[in-house]
Amino acid sequence: MKSEVQAINKRWHEEHKMPPNAPMDERIEWHLAHAAECGCRPIPPSVLKAMDERGLLVPTPRSLK
């Protein structure tokens, strides 16, 4: 099943820039917030892997509603 991609939330992106070379914990936090506020793209595999390694639950589109 392919993940559903929605339109970009331009305002959220403008207000929430990820710094260059952000540490993984910051990237995880950003991508979780992004998944809740904007559906323009899925969480990258590297971030999903890091979440799994930390024992964090990966959100589903349904859980974010």
C-alpha atoms as a PDB file:
ATOM      1  CA  MET A   1       0.000   0.000   0.000  1.00  0.00           C
ATOM      2  CA  LYS A   2       1.439   3.355  -1.039  1.00  0.00           C
ATOM      3  CA  SER A   3       1.327   6.218   1.464  1.00  0.00           C
ATOM      4  CA  GLU A   4      -1.010   9.055   0.651  1.00  0.00           C
ATOM      5  CA  VAL A   5       0.683  12.352  -0.212  1.00  0.00           C
ATOM      6  CA  GLN A   6      -1.226  15.564   0.430  1.00  0.00           C
ATOM      7  CA  ALA A   7      -0.678  19.164  -0.540  1.00  0.00           C
ATOM      8  CA  ILE A   8       2.164  21.024   1.145  1.00  0.00           C
ATOM      9  CA  ASN A   9       1.400  23.174   4.180  1.00  0.00           C
ATOM     10  CA  LYS A  10       3.523  26.098   3.018  1.00  0.00           C
ATOM     11  CA  ARG A  11       2.970  28.174   6.152  1.00  0.00           C
ATOM     12  CA  TRP A  12       4.101  25.327   8.438  1.00  0.00           C
ATOM     13  CA  HIS A  13       7.233  24.791   6.346  1.00  0.00           C
ATOM     14  CA  GLU A  14       8.071  28.503   6.428  1.00  0.00           C
ATOM     15  CA  GLU A  15       7.724  28.579  10.216  1.00  0.00           C
ATOM     16  CA  HIS A  16       9.556  25.282  10.892  1.00  0.00           C
ATOM     17  CA  LYS A  17      12.882  25.116   9.101  1.00  0.00           C
ATOM     18  CA  MET A  18      15.108  22.177   9.918  1.00  0.00           C
ATOM     19  CA  PRO A  19      18.656  23.364  10.566  1.00  0.00           C
ATOM     20  CA  PRO A  20      21.421  22.010   8.352  1.00  0.00           C
ATOM     21  CA  ASN A  21      23.164  18.940   9.766  1.00  0.00           C
ATOM     22  CA  ALA A  22      20.546  18.548  12.504  1.00  0.00           C
ATOM     23  CA  PRO A  23      21.251  15.669  14.917  1.00  0.00           C
ATOM     24  CA  MET A  24      19.018  12.626  14.513  1.00  0.00           C
ATOM     25  CA  ASP A  25      16.949  13.378  17.636  1.00  0.00           C
ATOM     26  CA  GLU A  26      16.106  16.801  16.206  1.00  0.00           C
ATOM     27  CA  ARG A  27      15.333  15.263  12.808  1.00  0.00           C
ATOM     28  CA  ILE A  28      12.965  12.756  14.450  1.00  0.00           C
ATOM     29  CA  GLU A  29      11.187  15.534  16.355  1.00  0.00           C
ATOM     30  CA  TRP A  30      10.872  17.649  13.179  1.00  0.00           C
ATOM     31  CA  HIS A  31       9.551  14.774  11.072  1.00  0.00           C
ATOM     32  CA  LEU A  32       6.976  13.775  13.702  1.00  0.00           C
ATOM     33  CA  ALA A  33       5.702  17.362  13.842  1.00  0.00           C
ATOM     34  CA  HIS A  34       5.791  17.502  10.048  1.00  0.00           C
ATOM     35  CA  ALA A  35       3.763  14.302   9.725  1.00  0.00           C
ATOM     36  CA  ALA A  36       1.107  15.789  12.017  1.00  0.00           C
ATOM     37  CA  GLU A  37       0.927  19.150  10.222  1.00  0.00           C
ATOM     38  CA  CYS A  38       1.752  18.473   6.578  1.00  0.00           C
ATOM     39  CA  GLY A  39       1.350  15.419   4.412  1.00  0.00           C
ATOM     40  CA  CYS A  40       3.563  16.483   1.532  1.00  0.00           C
ATOM     41  CA  ARG A  41       5.940  13.537   1.931  1.00  0.00           C
ATOM     42  CA  PRO A  42       6.485  10.493   4.131  1.00  0.00           C
ATOM     43  CA  ILE A  43       9.058  10.219   6.920  1.00  0.00           C
ATOM     44  CA  PRO A  44      12.382   9.185   5.308  1.00  0.00           C
ATOM     45  CA  PRO A  45      13.565   5.581   5.816  1.00  0.00           C
ATOM     46  CA  SER A  46      16.662   6.711   7.755  1.00  0.00           C
ATOM     47  CA  VAL A  47      14.480   8.550  10.284  1.00  0.00           C
ATOM     48  CA  LEU A  48      12.059   5.622  10.532  1.00  0.00           C
ATOM     49  CA  LYS A  49      14.993   3.302  11.215  1.00  0.00           C
ATOM     50  CA  ALA A  50      16.339   5.614  13.933  1.00  0.00           C
ATOM     51  CA  MET A  51      12.882   5.787  15.514  1.00  0.00           C
ATOM     52  CA  ASP A  52      12.658   2.000  15.528  1.00  0.00           C
ATOM     53  CA  GLU A  53      16.127   1.717  17.093  1.00  0.00           C
ATOM     54  CA  ARG A  54      15.000   4.102  19.863  1.00  0.00           C
ATOM     55  CA  GLY A  55      11.811   2.107  20.450  1.00  0.00           C
ATOM     56  CA  LEU A  56       9.606   4.966  19.266  1.00  0.00           C
ATOM     57  CA  LEU A  57       6.266   4.260  17.683  1.00  0.00           C
ATOM     58  CA  VAL A  58       5.987   5.325  14.072  1.00  0.00           C
ATOM     59  CA  PRO A  59       2.814   7.338  13.546  1.00  0.00           C
ATOM     60  CA  THR A  60       0.254   6.302  11.008  1.00  0.00           C
ATOM     61  CA  PRO A  61      -1.879   8.784   9.081  1.00  0.00           C
ATOM     62  CA  ARG A  62      -4.854   7.608  11.126  1.00  0.00           C
ATOM     63  CA  SER A  63      -3.054   8.147  14.457  1.00  0.00           C
ATOM     64  CA  LEU A  64      -2.195  11.708  13.482  1.00  0.00           C
ATOM     65  CA  LYS A  65      -5.813  12.753  12.929  1.00  0.00           C
END
